[in-house]
Amino acid sequence: MNDMSFVERNVDTKNIKIAAKDVQVYYGDTHAIKDVNVNIEDKTVTAFIGPSGCGKSTFLRCLNRMNDTIDVCRVKGDILLDGEDIYDKKVDPVQLRAKVGMVFQKPNPFPKSIYDNVAYGPRIHGLAKNKAELDEIVEKSLRRGAIWDEVKDRLDAPGTGLSGGQQQRLCIARAVATEPEVLLMDEPCSALDPIATAQVEELIDELRERYSVIIVTHSMQQAARVSQKTAFFHLGNLVEFGETGQIFTNPEDPRTESYITGRIG
């Protein structure tokens, strides 16, 4: 119970979007995530930080059931989205992933036009009744991805022909096109140059007005710049969670301090 009270102290309980309780993840015999309890708030950027292999991306993938695609992976415990168990047998993972969008480390536009990249999700989820509605969704999503002005005159051009930073913003536009409630980002800037990184970080700040954004990052500077809440993972454990400013300036756990000061990791 102690873990939970610590977690509760650090969140506005009325504003919880995702609640994880006693989450364990196993890859075969390997216990990759141990007893994670965390409440993630709506309209907030939450950063997951920690050394390579500490479990932060594994836990992120639990939040939209991406780990379901790995045969040897088992997830135990409860993960609630708006109070509903996302691992309930009645939940369709495809529908869940429309609600909990994901942007990956390496920009991965489909080998389709810029327009079709964004229109793909709304088409398969039946979000547009006709071409005019689909056009509107595509434009709105590209604007939310902060890339509309750069591509509006070449929507038929292949998405793969864009620069790396533009491709990542296209992937963000594609993720928001299904009107998700949560946006997961797994190291979204690690393949980008500093200018493209700054553009994506600025975009993350804008996106939090509409979504709960969860970002896995290796960069502590990035976590400090973009997030309001930070979770520090180490060896599969969620060591500490709280206000980003406090985690970076006055952490409660010596392991967090060791990581932030560069002694571990």
Protein backbone atom coordinates (compact mmCIF):
# COMPACT_ATOMS: atom_id res chain seq x y z
CA MET A 1 0.00 0.00 0.00
CA ASN A 2 2.91 2.27 0.71
CA ASP A 3 3.72 2.55 -3.01
CA MET A 4 0.20 3.60 -3.80
CA SER A 5 0.10 6.32 -1.15
CA PHE A 6 3.40 7.67 -2.50
CA VAL A 7 1.92 7.70 -6.00
CA GLU A 8 -1.31 9.30 -4.79
CA ARG A 9 0.60 12.13 -3.13
CA ASN A 10 1.99 13.17 -6.49
CA VAL A 11 -1.15 13.39 -8.60
CA ASP A 12 -4.41 15.25 -8.85
CA THR A 13 -6.65 12.20 -8.35
CA LYS A 14 -9.65 13.86 -10.06
CA ASN A 15 -7.63 14.21 -13.26
CA ILE A 16 -6.37 10.62 -13.63
CA LYS A 17 -6.44 9.34 -17.21
CA ILE A 18 -4.54 6.06 -16.75
CA ALA A 19 -4.17 4.15 -13.48
CA ALA A 20 -1.71 1.25 -13.31
CA LYS A 21 -1.90 -1.06 -10.29
CA ASP A 22 0.63 -3.77 -9.45
CA VAL A 23 1.69 -4.19 -13.08
CA GLN A 24 4.12 -7.03 -13.80
CA VAL A 25 5.53 -7.89 -17.22
CA TYR A 26 7.30 -11.16 -18.04
CA TYR A 27 9.19 -12.08 -21.22
CA GLY A 28 9.25 -15.84 -20.84
CA ASP A 29 11.02 -16.34 -17.49
CA THR A 30 12.42 -12.80 -17.35
CA HIS A 31 10.58 -10.49 -14.94
CA ALA A 32 10.93 -7.23 -16.90
CA ILE A 33 8.53 -4.94 -14.97
CA LYS A 34 7.94 -5.36 -11.23
CA ASP A 35 5.03 -4.00 -9.18
CA VAL A 36 4.49 -0.74 -11.06
CA ASN A 37 1.85 1.54 -9.53
CA VAL A 38 1.32 4.90 -11.17
CA ASN A 39 -1.48 7.34 -11.96
CA ILE A 40 -1.05 9.36 -15.15
CA GLU A 41 -2.94 12.62 -15.47
CA ASP A 42 -4.91 14.00 -18.39
CA LYS A 43 -3.65 17.04 -20.36
CA THR A 44 -0.18 16.55 -18.88
CA VAL A 45 3.14 15.45 -20.36
CA THR A 46 4.58 12.58 -18.34
CA ALA A 47 8.18 11.56 -19.05
CA PHE A 48 9.55 8.06 -18.40
CA ILE A 49 13.31 8.22 -17.81
CA GLY A 50 15.95 5.67 -16.79
CA PRO A 51 18.94 3.71 -18.09
CA SER A 52 18.72 1.53 -21.22
CA GLY A 53 16.88 -1.71 -20.53
CA CYS A 54 15.22 -0.40 -17.35
CA GLY A 55 11.67 -1.18 -18.57
CA LYS A 56 10.39 2.26 -19.54
CA SER A 57 9.53 1.33 -23.16
CA THR A 58 8.15 -2.05 -22.07
CA PHE A 59 5.80 -0.32 -19.64
CA LEU A 60 4.84 2.29 -22.26
CA ARG A 61 3.83 -0.54 -24.62
CA CYS A 62 1.57 -2.00 -21.92
CA LEU A 63 -0.58 1.14 -22.13
CA ASN A 64 -1.89 0.34 -25.63
CA ARG A 65 -1.34 -3.42 -25.51
CA MET A 66 1.52 -3.36 -28.00
CA ASN A 67 3.10 -6.15 -25.94
CA ASP A 68 0.20 -8.39 -27.07
CA THR A 69 2.09 -8.78 -30.35
CA ILE A 70 5.00 -10.54 -28.56
CA ASP A 71 4.20 -14.24 -28.00
CA VAL A 72 6.35 -14.75 -24.90
CA CYS A 73 5.14 -11.58 -23.16
CA ARG A 74 2.70 -11.76 -20.24
CA VAL A 75 1.21 -8.72 -18.49
CA LYS A 76 -0.33 -9.00 -15.01
CA GLY A 77 -2.01 -6.40 -12.81
CA ASP A 78 -4.53 -3.71 -13.76
CA ILE A 79 -4.29 -0.85 -16.22
CA LEU A 80 -7.37 1.36 -16.28
CA LEU A 81 -8.14 4.00 -18.92
CA ASP A 82 -10.86 6.32 -17.62
CA GLY A 83 -11.61 3.65 -15.00
CA GLU A 84 -12.01 0.79 -17.51
CA ASP A 85 -9.65 -2.20 -17.60
CA ILE A 86 -7.87 -2.14 -20.98
CA TYR A 87 -6.93 -5.84 -20.59
CA ASP A 88 -10.56 -6.92 -20.19
CA LYS A 89 -11.43 -9.63 -22.74
CA LYS A 90 -14.20 -7.39 -24.11
CA VAL A 91 -11.69 -4.70 -25.13
CA ASP A 92 -10.67 -4.76 -28.80
CA PRO A 93 -6.94 -3.86 -28.97
CA VAL A 94 -7.45 -2.21 -32.38
CA GLN A 95 -10.09 0.14 -30.94
CA LEU A 96 -7.89 0.73 -27.90
CA ARG A 97 -4.99 1.80 -30.13
CA ALA A 98 -7.25 4.35 -31.82
CA LYS A 99 -7.80 5.86 -28.35
CA VAL A 100 -4.17 5.47 -27.26
CA GLY A 101 -2.07 6.58 -30.21
CA MET A 102 1.64 5.82 -30.56
CA VAL A 103 4.62 7.53 -32.16
CA PHE A 104 7.77 5.43 -32.48
CA GLN A 105 11.47 6.13 -32.16
CA LYS A 106 12.17 6.02 -35.88
CA PRO A 107 9.76 7.93 -38.13
CA ASN A 108 7.76 5.24 -39.92
CA PRO A 109 5.40 6.76 -42.49
CA PHE A 110 3.50 4.23 -44.59
CA PRO A 111 4.69 3.90 -48.22
CA LYS A 112 1.67 5.97 -49.26
CA SER A 113 0.93 9.61 -50.00
CA ILE A 114 1.04 12.21 -47.22
CA TYR A 115 -2.78 12.38 -47.45
CA ASP A 116 -3.23 8.60 -47.24
CA ASN A 117 -0.87 8.32 -44.26
CA VAL A 118 -3.19 10.53 -42.23
CA ALA A 119 -6.45 9.25 -43.76
CA TYR A 120 -5.62 5.59 -43.06
CA GLY A 121 -6.79 5.47 -39.41
CA PRO A 122 -9.99 7.50 -39.90
CA ARG A 123 -10.86 5.25 -42.89
CA ILE A 124 -10.46 1.94 -41.03
CA HIS A 125 -12.31 3.27 -37.97
CA GLY A 126 -15.12 4.77 -40.07
CA LEU A 127 -14.65 8.30 -38.72
CA ALA A 128 -15.60 10.07 -41.96
CA LYS A 129 -18.89 9.71 -43.85
CA ASN A 130 -17.54 11.13 -47.11
CA LYS A 131 -14.50 12.61 -48.88
CA ALA A 132 -15.20 16.13 -47.60
CA GLU A 133 -15.18 14.95 -43.98
CA LEU A 134 -12.00 12.95 -44.60
CA ASP A 135 -10.34 16.02 -46.17
CA GLU A 136 -11.26 18.00 -43.06
CA ILE A 137 -9.82 15.36 -40.69
CA VAL A 138 -6.59 15.20 -42.72
CA GLU A 139 -6.15 18.97 -42.70
CA LYS A 140 -6.95 19.27 -38.99
CA SER A 141 -4.54 16.45 -38.12
CA LEU A 142 -1.72 17.88 -40.23
CA ARG A 143 -2.28 21.24 -38.53
CA ARG A 144 -2.12 19.55 -35.10
CA GLY A 145 1.08 17.87 -36.26
CA ALA A 146 2.44 21.36 -37.12
CA ILE A 147 3.22 20.31 -40.68
CA TRP A 148 0.20 21.48 -42.74
CA ASP A 149 1.88 24.62 -44.14
CA GLU A 150 4.85 22.57 -45.36
CA VAL A 151 2.84 19.86 -47.15
CA LYS A 152 -0.56 21.37 -48.10
CA ASP A 153 0.48 21.78 -51.76
CA ARG A 154 1.81 18.23 -52.13
CA LEU A 155 -0.58 15.94 -50.28
CA ASP A 156 -0.24 13.37 -53.09
CA ALA A 157 3.54 13.15 -52.63
CA PRO A 158 4.91 10.11 -50.76
CA GLY A 159 5.29 10.54 -47.00
CA THR A 160 8.63 8.75 -47.22
CA GLY A 161 9.99 11.66 -49.32
CA LEU A 162 9.85 14.11 -46.40
CA SER A 163 12.82 14.97 -44.16
CA GLY A 164 13.24 13.01 -40.92
CA GLY A 165 11.72 15.75 -38.77
CA GLN A 166 8.81 16.20 -41.17
CA GLN A 167 8.23 12.44 -41.25
CA GLN A 168 8.02 12.35 -37.46
CA ARG A 169 5.52 15.24 -37.43
CA LEU A 170 3.55 13.39 -40.14
CA CYS A 171 3.54 10.31 -37.85
CA ILE A 172 2.24 12.50 -35.01
CA ALA A 173 -0.49 13.84 -37.34
CA ARG A 174 -1.33 10.24 -38.27
CA ALA A 175 -1.55 9.30 -34.58
CA VAL A 176 -3.92 12.17 -33.72
CA ALA A 177 -6.16 11.59 -36.76
CA THR A 178 -8.20 8.94 -34.91
CA GLU A 179 -9.00 11.48 -32.14
CA PRO A 180 -7.05 9.62 -29.44
CA GLU A 181 -7.23 10.56 -25.78
CA VAL A 182 -3.66 9.52 -24.96
CA LEU A 183 -0.53 9.87 -27.07
CA LEU A 184 2.43 7.57 -26.37
CA MET A 185 5.84 8.63 -27.72
CA ASP A 186 8.77 6.22 -27.57
CA GLU A 187 11.96 8.30 -27.92
CA PRO A 188 10.33 10.39 -30.67
CA CYS A 189 13.37 12.63 -31.20
CA SER A 190 16.26 10.18 -30.96
CA ALA A 191 16.63 9.95 -34.75
CA LEU A 192 16.23 13.72 -35.32
CA ASP A 193 18.65 16.62 -35.56
CA PRO A 194 18.50 19.45 -32.96
CA ILE A 195 16.28 21.73 -35.08
CA ALA A 196 13.73 18.98 -35.80
CA THR A 197 13.91 17.95 -32.12
CA ALA A 198 13.04 21.51 -31.04
CA GLN A 199 10.05 21.52 -33.45
CA VAL A 200 8.74 18.22 -32.07
CA GLU A 201 9.25 19.39 -28.46
CA GLU A 202 7.29 22.57 -29.20
CA LEU A 203 4.56 20.41 -30.73
CA ILE A 204 4.45 18.15 -27.63
CA ASP A 205 3.82 21.23 -25.51
CA GLU A 206 0.87 22.20 -27.74
CA LEU A 207 -0.53 18.64 -27.82
CA ARG A 208 -0.89 18.50 -24.05
CA GLU A 209 -3.76 20.99 -24.27
CA ARG A 210 -5.81 18.16 -25.84
CA TYR A 211 -4.21 14.87 -24.78
CA SER A 212 -2.42 13.02 -22.03
CA VAL A 213 1.08 12.69 -23.53
CA ILE A 214 3.54 10.07 -22.27
CA ILE A 215 7.08 10.25 -23.58
CA VAL A 216 9.95 7.82 -23.11
CA THR A 217 13.23 9.70 -23.44
CA HIS A 218 16.93 9.02 -22.88
CA SER A 219 17.50 12.75 -22.65
CA MET A 220 17.05 14.15 -19.16
CA GLN A 221 17.24 17.65 -20.65
CA GLN A 222 14.30 16.79 -22.90
CA ALA A 223 12.30 15.40 -19.97
CA ALA A 224 13.01 18.59 -18.01
CA ARG A 225 11.95 20.78 -20.97
CA VAL A 226 8.72 19.07 -22.05
CA SER A 227 7.18 17.26 -19.06
CA GLN A 228 5.26 18.24 -15.96
CA LYS A 229 5.55 14.78 -14.35
CA THR A 230 8.49 12.37 -14.46
CA ALA A 231 8.73 8.67 -13.63
CA PHE A 232 12.20 7.18 -13.04
CA PHE A 233 12.58 3.48 -13.87
CA HIS A 234 15.53 1.31 -12.82
CA LEU A 235 15.93 -2.45 -13.29
CA GLY A 236 12.22 -2.92 -14.00
CA ASN A 237 11.07 -0.93 -10.96
CA LEU A 238 9.32 2.42 -10.91
CA VAL A 239 11.64 4.01 -8.36
CA GLU A 240 10.13 7.46 -8.13
CA PHE A 241 7.33 9.52 -9.65
CA GLY A 242 6.42 13.15 -9.14
CA GLU A 243 6.62 16.74 -10.35
CA THR A 244 9.41 17.02 -12.92
CA GLY A 245 11.02 19.96 -11.11
CA GLN A 246 11.19 18.03 -7.87
CA ILE A 247 12.51 14.82 -9.46
CA PHE A 248 15.37 16.77 -11.04
CA THR A 249 16.24 19.07 -8.15
CA ASN A 250 15.23 17.23 -5.00
CA PRO A 251 14.64 13.50 -5.64
CA GLU A 252 13.56 11.34 -2.69
CA ASP A 253 15.37 8.15 -3.72
CA PRO A 254 19.19 7.92 -3.85
CA ARG A 255 18.95 5.85 -7.07
CA THR A 256 17.13 8.73 -8.80
CA GLU A 257 19.79 11.16 -7.63
CA SER A 258 22.56 8.83 -8.84
CA TYR A 259 20.97 8.63 -12.30
CA ILE A 260 20.32 12.36 -12.59
CA THR A 261 23.87 13.23 -11.52
CA GLY A 262 25.29 10.68 -13.99
CA ARG A 263 26.59 8.08 -11.52
CA ILE A 264 24.38 5.30 -12.91
CA GLY A 265 23.02 4.74 -16.39
